[in-house]
Amino acid sequence: MSRSRSKNIILPIIILVVALIYSRGGIGPRNVRQSASPKGSISGKCVAVSDGDTIRVLYANSEVKVRLFGIDCPEKKQAFGSAAKKFTSEMVFGEDVNVDVRDTDRYGRSVGWVTTSDGRALNEELVRAGMAWWYSEYAPYETQLASLEKQARAARRGLWSDKNPTPPWEFRSMQR
């Protein structure tokens, strides 16, 4: 094989290897990446609120997507969806939070209990304010959430002010 021919083969291989290394964050500017779902307890700053029950937490130079355990907030296009997102944003966006990671969902998100720096549980506060349902299918033993939902219903707070609110799991089913 001639020297020029081997150069023609090697150069594209080098370019491919460099491109792969760069795309995986090995060289170049340091980007914040979404990490694999951590286990146990993590602490960090809430850097994004996707909707009422999903946030992103900056932990170990990576963004961890966290789905709140035991609750289900209305979807964005559903009544009270924007209000639930606003409630979550006002409570934790830009704030330090602690996440007790309980599980990983089918989308790779950490599922956890989120506590603010002043000790309030976001999961409970959303249900108390009538911005979320207790998700009994996934958290049947969370009796505190059941009690808070019952109180919010009786007081007709938030989504319970509607005569017949549609649970998010039914709303999602109707959208399919």
C-alpha atoms as a PDB file:
ATOM      1  CA  MET A   1       0.000   0.000   0.000  1.00  0.00           C
ATOM      2  CA  SER A   2       1.379   3.403  -0.902  1.00  0.00           C
ATOM      3  CA  ARG A   3       2.040   6.077   1.677  1.00  0.00           C
ATOM      4  CA  SER A   4      -0.535   8.524   0.253  1.00  0.00           C
ATOM      5  CA  ARG A   5      -3.169   5.814   0.243  1.00  0.00           C
ATOM      6  CA  SER A   6      -2.585   5.011   3.938  1.00  0.00           C
ATOM      7  CA  LYS A   7      -2.861   8.757   4.745  1.00  0.00           C
ATOM      8  CA  ASN A   8      -6.225   8.802   2.962  1.00  0.00           C
ATOM      9  CA  ILE A   9      -7.474   6.019   5.246  1.00  0.00           C
ATOM     10  CA  ILE A  10      -5.966   7.209   8.535  1.00  0.00           C
ATOM     11  CA  LEU A  11      -7.160  10.824   8.377  1.00  0.00           C
ATOM     12  CA  PRO A  12     -10.901   9.956   8.253  1.00  0.00           C
ATOM     13  CA  ILE A  13     -10.413   7.473  11.105  1.00  0.00           C
ATOM     14  CA  ILE A  14      -8.723  10.135  13.246  1.00  0.00           C
ATOM     15  CA  ILE A  15     -11.526  12.607  12.487  1.00  0.00           C
ATOM     16  CA  LEU A  16     -14.125   9.988  13.436  1.00  0.00           C
ATOM     17  CA  VAL A  17     -12.381   9.166  16.733  1.00  0.00           C
ATOM     18  CA  VAL A  18     -12.035  12.851  17.671  1.00  0.00           C
ATOM     19  CA  ALA A  19     -15.700  13.460  16.815  1.00  0.00           C
ATOM     20  CA  LEU A  20     -16.778  10.539  19.013  1.00  0.00           C
ATOM     21  CA  ILE A  21     -14.644  11.715  21.927  1.00  0.00           C
ATOM     22  CA  TYR A  22     -15.995  15.274  21.625  1.00  0.00           C
ATOM     23  CA  SER A  23     -19.626  14.143  21.367  1.00  0.00           C
ATOM     24  CA  ARG A  24     -19.261  12.192  24.623  1.00  0.00           C
ATOM     25  CA  GLY A  25     -17.882  15.228  26.443  1.00  0.00           C
ATOM     26  CA  GLY A  26     -14.296  13.976  26.566  1.00  0.00           C
ATOM     27  CA  ILE A  27     -12.776  17.163  25.150  1.00  0.00           C
ATOM     28  CA  GLY A  28     -14.018  20.616  24.335  1.00  0.00           C
ATOM     29  CA  PRO A  29     -16.157  22.856  26.508  1.00  0.00           C
ATOM     30  CA  ARG A  30     -17.485  21.314  29.687  1.00  0.00           C
ATOM     31  CA  ASN A  31     -21.195  20.877  29.229  1.00  0.00           C
ATOM     32  CA  VAL A  32     -23.705  19.977  31.890  1.00  0.00           C
ATOM     33  CA  ARG A  33     -25.109  16.594  30.954  1.00  0.00           C
ATOM     34  CA  GLN A  34     -28.019  14.624  32.278  1.00  0.00           C
ATOM     35  CA  SER A  35     -26.608  11.916  34.491  1.00  0.00           C
ATOM     36  CA  ALA A  36     -27.752   8.399  35.052  1.00  0.00           C
ATOM     37  CA  SER A  37     -30.284   8.146  37.834  1.00  0.00           C
ATOM     38  CA  PRO A  38     -28.384   8.279  41.149  1.00  0.00           C
ATOM     39  CA  LYS A  39     -29.342   6.164  44.136  1.00  0.00           C
ATOM     40  CA  GLY A  40     -29.937   7.272  47.718  1.00  0.00           C
ATOM     41  CA  SER A  41     -30.127  10.898  48.698  1.00  0.00           C
ATOM     42  CA  ILE A  42     -28.849  13.767  46.556  1.00  0.00           C
ATOM     43  CA  SER A  43     -28.699  17.496  47.175  1.00  0.00           C
ATOM     44  CA  GLY A  44     -28.416  20.277  44.643  1.00  0.00           C
ATOM     45  CA  LYS A  45     -29.958  23.361  43.098  1.00  0.00           C
ATOM     46  CA  CYS A  46     -33.226  23.062  41.164  1.00  0.00           C
ATOM     47  CA  VAL A  47     -32.259  24.389  37.721  1.00  0.00           C
ATOM     48  CA  ALA A  48     -35.475  23.652  35.801  1.00  0.00           C
ATOM     49  CA  VAL A  49     -39.151  22.862  36.289  1.00  0.00           C
ATOM     50  CA  SER A  50     -40.633  20.797  33.449  1.00  0.00           C
ATOM     51  CA  ASP A  51     -44.128  20.633  34.935  1.00  0.00           C
ATOM     52  CA  GLY A  52     -45.747  20.398  38.342  1.00  0.00           C
ATOM     53  CA  ASP A  53     -44.258  17.026  39.212  1.00  0.00           C
ATOM     54  CA  THR A  54     -40.941  16.993  37.320  1.00  0.00           C
ATOM     55  CA  ILE A  55     -37.852  19.068  38.060  1.00  0.00           C
ATOM     56  CA  ARG A  56     -34.140  19.040  37.210  1.00  0.00           C
ATOM     57  CA  VAL A  57     -31.544  19.193  39.958  1.00  0.00           C
ATOM     58  CA  LEU A  58     -27.879  20.071  39.436  1.00  0.00           C
ATOM     59  CA  TYR A  59     -25.910  17.348  41.189  1.00  0.00           C
ATOM     60  CA  ALA A  60     -22.210  16.510  40.674  1.00  0.00           C
ATOM     61  CA  ASN A  61     -21.982  18.737  37.552  1.00  0.00           C
ATOM     62  CA  SER A  62     -24.912  16.923  35.923  1.00  0.00           C
ATOM     63  CA  GLU A  63     -28.614  17.593  35.678  1.00  0.00           C
ATOM     64  CA  VAL A  64     -30.716  14.887  37.267  1.00  0.00           C
ATOM     65  CA  LYS A  65     -34.329  14.728  36.114  1.00  0.00           C
ATOM     66  CA  VAL A  66     -36.550  14.062  39.120  1.00  0.00           C
ATOM     67  CA  ARG A  67     -40.171  12.886  39.011  1.00  0.00           C
ATOM     68  CA  LEU A  68     -41.922  13.538  42.323  1.00  0.00           C
ATOM     69  CA  PHE A  69     -42.826  10.342  44.148  1.00  0.00           C
ATOM     70  CA  GLY A  70     -46.404   9.510  45.102  1.00  0.00           C
ATOM     71  CA  ILE A  71     -48.178  12.334  43.297  1.00  0.00           C
ATOM     72  CA  ASP A  72     -49.459  13.204  39.840  1.00  0.00           C
ATOM     73  CA  CYS A  73     -50.010  16.811  38.782  1.00  0.00           C
ATOM     74  CA  PRO A  74     -52.328  17.889  35.965  1.00  0.00           C
ATOM     75  CA  GLU A  75     -50.722  17.859  32.516  1.00  0.00           C
ATOM     76  CA  LYS A  76     -49.670  21.130  30.862  1.00  0.00           C
ATOM     77  CA  LYS A  77     -52.721  21.223  28.562  1.00  0.00           C
ATOM     78  CA  GLN A  78     -55.052  20.239  31.378  1.00  0.00           C
ATOM     79  CA  ALA A  79     -56.907  22.506  33.807  1.00  0.00           C
ATOM     80  CA  PHE A  80     -54.536  23.519  36.629  1.00  0.00           C
ATOM     81  CA  GLY A  81     -51.478  22.199  34.734  1.00  0.00           C
ATOM     82  CA  SER A  82     -49.947  25.681  34.458  1.00  0.00           C
ATOM     83  CA  ALA A  83     -50.895  26.485  38.044  1.00  0.00           C
ATOM     84  CA  ALA A  84     -49.156  23.318  39.291  1.00  0.00           C
ATOM     85  CA  LYS A  85     -46.001  24.185  37.327  1.00  0.00           C
ATOM     86  CA  LYS A  86     -46.078  27.741  38.706  1.00  0.00           C
ATOM     87  CA  PHE A  87     -46.523  26.433  42.260  1.00  0.00           C
ATOM     88  CA  THR A  88     -43.526  24.110  41.885  1.00  0.00           C
ATOM     89  CA  SER A  89     -41.427  26.874  40.298  1.00  0.00           C
ATOM     90  CA  GLU A  90     -42.212  29.319  43.089  1.00  0.00           C
ATOM     91  CA  MET A  91     -41.343  26.728  45.700  1.00  0.00           C
ATOM     92  CA  VAL A  92     -38.081  25.261  44.367  1.00  0.00           C
ATOM     93  CA  PHE A  93     -36.717  26.879  41.191  1.00  0.00           C
ATOM     94  CA  GLY A  94     -33.247  28.259  41.902  1.00  0.00           C
ATOM     95  CA  GLU A  95     -33.340  26.797  45.413  1.00  0.00           C
ATOM     96  CA  ASP A  96     -31.276  24.065  47.045  1.00  0.00           C
ATOM     97  CA  VAL A  97     -33.260  20.863  47.500  1.00  0.00           C
ATOM     98  CA  ASN A  98     -32.685  17.392  48.853  1.00  0.00           C
ATOM     99  CA  VAL A  99     -34.025  14.397  46.921  1.00  0.00           C
ATOM    100  CA  ASP A 100     -34.607  11.056  48.588  1.00  0.00           C
ATOM    101  CA  VAL A 101     -34.452   8.858  45.476  1.00  0.00           C
ATOM    102  CA  ARG A 102     -36.918   5.988  45.782  1.00  0.00           C
ATOM    103  CA  ASP A 103     -36.840   4.509  42.284  1.00  0.00           C
ATOM    104  CA  THR A 104     -36.132   5.052  38.597  1.00  0.00           C
ATOM    105  CA  ASP A 105     -39.067   5.259  36.199  1.00  0.00           C
ATOM    106  CA  ARG A 106     -39.334   3.797  32.702  1.00  0.00           C
ATOM    107  CA  TYR A 107     -38.044   7.082  31.243  1.00  0.00           C
ATOM    108  CA  GLY A 108     -34.844   6.942  33.310  1.00  0.00           C
ATOM    109  CA  ARG A 109     -35.922   9.706  35.685  1.00  0.00           C
ATOM    110  CA  SER A 110     -35.124   9.508  39.376  1.00  0.00           C
ATOM    111  CA  VAL A 111     -38.367   9.211  41.329  1.00  0.00           C
ATOM    112  CA  GLY A 112     -38.094  10.831  44.708  1.00  0.00           C
ATOM    113  CA  TRP A 113     -39.251  12.819  47.666  1.00  0.00           C
ATOM    114  CA  VAL A 114     -38.120  16.462  47.340  1.00  0.00           C
ATOM    115  CA  THR A 115     -37.462  18.538  50.438  1.00  0.00           C
ATOM    116  CA  THR A 116     -36.665  22.260  50.460  1.00  0.00           C
ATOM    117  CA  SER A 117     -33.868  23.810  52.504  1.00  0.00           C
ATOM    118  CA  ASP A 118     -36.454  24.919  55.092  1.00  0.00           C
ATOM    119  CA  GLY A 119     -37.703  21.335  55.513  1.00  0.00           C
ATOM    120  CA  ARG A 120     -40.947  21.433  53.513  1.00  0.00           C
ATOM    121  CA  ALA A 121     -41.786  18.420  51.333  1.00  0.00           C
ATOM    122  CA  LEU A 122     -42.685  19.582  47.807  1.00  0.00           C
ATOM    123  CA  ASN A 123     -44.665  16.382  47.189  1.00  0.00           C
ATOM    124  CA  GLU A 124     -46.899  17.085  50.195  1.00  0.00           C
ATOM    125  CA  GLU A 125     -47.216  20.826  49.540  1.00  0.00           C
ATOM    126  CA  LEU A 126     -48.532  20.201  46.007  1.00  0.00           C
ATOM    127  CA  VAL A 127     -51.243  17.859  47.320  1.00  0.00           C
ATOM    128  CA  ARG A 128     -52.068  20.195  50.234  1.00  0.00           C
ATOM    129  CA  ALA A 129     -52.556  23.110  47.808  1.00  0.00           C
ATOM    130  CA  GLY A 130     -54.817  21.051  45.540  1.00  0.00           C
ATOM    131  CA  MET A 131     -52.255  21.028  42.722  1.00  0.00           C
ATOM    132  CA  ALA A 132     -51.790  17.238  42.605  1.00  0.00           C
ATOM    133  CA  TRP A 133     -53.463  13.917  43.150  1.00  0.00           C
ATOM    134  CA  TRP A 134     -52.116  11.319  45.540  1.00  0.00           C
ATOM    135  CA  TYR A 135     -50.888   8.648  43.105  1.00  0.00           C
ATOM    136  CA  SER A 136     -52.222   5.686  45.097  1.00  0.00           C
ATOM    137  CA  GLU A 137     -51.277   3.159  42.401  1.00  0.00           C
ATOM    138  CA  TYR A 138     -47.568   3.882  42.893  1.00  0.00           C
ATOM    139  CA  ALA A 139     -47.571   4.975  46.542  1.00  0.00           C
ATOM    140  CA  PRO A 140     -50.328   3.018  48.291  1.00  0.00           C
ATOM    141  CA  TYR A 141     -48.719   3.327  51.735  1.00  0.00           C
ATOM    142  CA  GLU A 142     -48.304   7.118  51.677  1.00  0.00           C
ATOM    143  CA  THR A 143     -51.173   7.785  54.059  1.00  0.00           C
ATOM    144  CA  GLN A 144     -50.027  11.376  54.648  1.00  0.00           C
ATOM    145  CA  LEU A 145     -50.587  12.136  50.947  1.00  0.00           C
ATOM    146  CA  ALA A 146     -54.008  10.457  51.123  1.00  0.00           C
ATOM    147  CA  SER A 147     -54.939  12.601  54.125  1.00  0.00           C
ATOM    148  CA  LEU A 148     -53.709  15.822  52.478  1.00  0.00           C
ATOM    149  CA  GLU A 149     -55.715  15.067  49.334  1.00  0.00           C
ATOM    150  CA  LYS A 150     -58.836  14.438  51.413  1.00  0.00           C
ATOM    151  CA  GLN A 151     -58.361  17.803  53.173  1.00  0.00           C
ATOM    152  CA  ALA A 152     -57.780  19.665  49.875  1.00  0.00           C
ATOM    153  CA  ARG A 153     -60.907  18.059  48.373  1.00  0.00           C
ATOM    154  CA  ALA A 154     -63.024  19.025  51.392  1.00  0.00           C
ATOM    155  CA  ALA A 155     -61.747  22.615  51.245  1.00  0.00           C
ATOM    156  CA  ARG A 156     -62.166  22.685  47.416  1.00  0.00           C
ATOM    157  CA  ARG A 157     -58.593  23.975  47.013  1.00  0.00           C
ATOM    158  CA  GLY A 158     -56.931  24.169  43.608  1.00  0.00           C
ATOM    159  CA  LEU A 159     -58.104  21.545  41.143  1.00  0.00           C
ATOM    160  CA  TRP A 160     -60.738  20.422  43.627  1.00  0.00           C
ATOM    161  CA  SER A 161     -62.634  23.639  42.913  1.00  0.00           C
ATOM    162  CA  ASP A 162     -63.736  21.977  39.647  1.00  0.00           C
ATOM    163  CA  LYS A 163     -66.931  19.944  39.933  1.00  0.00           C
ATOM    164  CA  ASN A 164     -65.388  16.899  38.283  1.00  0.00           C
ATOM    165  CA  PRO A 165     -61.584  17.177  37.848  1.00  0.00           C
ATOM    166  CA  THR A 166     -60.007  14.691  35.469  1.00  0.00           C
ATOM    167  CA  PRO A 167     -57.058  12.762  36.900  1.00  0.00           C
ATOM    168  CA  PRO A 168     -53.903  13.145  34.772  1.00  0.00           C
ATOM    169  CA  TRP A 169     -53.658   9.401  34.082  1.00  0.00           C
ATOM    170  CA  GLU A 170     -57.150   9.508  32.526  1.00  0.00           C
ATOM    171  CA  PHE A 171     -56.289  12.703  30.608  1.00  0.00           C
ATOM    172  CA  ARG A 172     -53.140  11.043  29.195  1.00  0.00           C
ATOM    173  CA  SER A 173     -55.171   7.975  28.229  1.00  0.00           C
ATOM    174  CA  MET A 174     -57.687  10.145  26.342  1.00  0.00           C
ATOM    175  CA  GLN A 175     -54.855  11.915  24.474  1.00  0.00           C
ATOM    176  CA  ARG A 176     -53.496   8.642  23.026  1.00  0.00           C
END
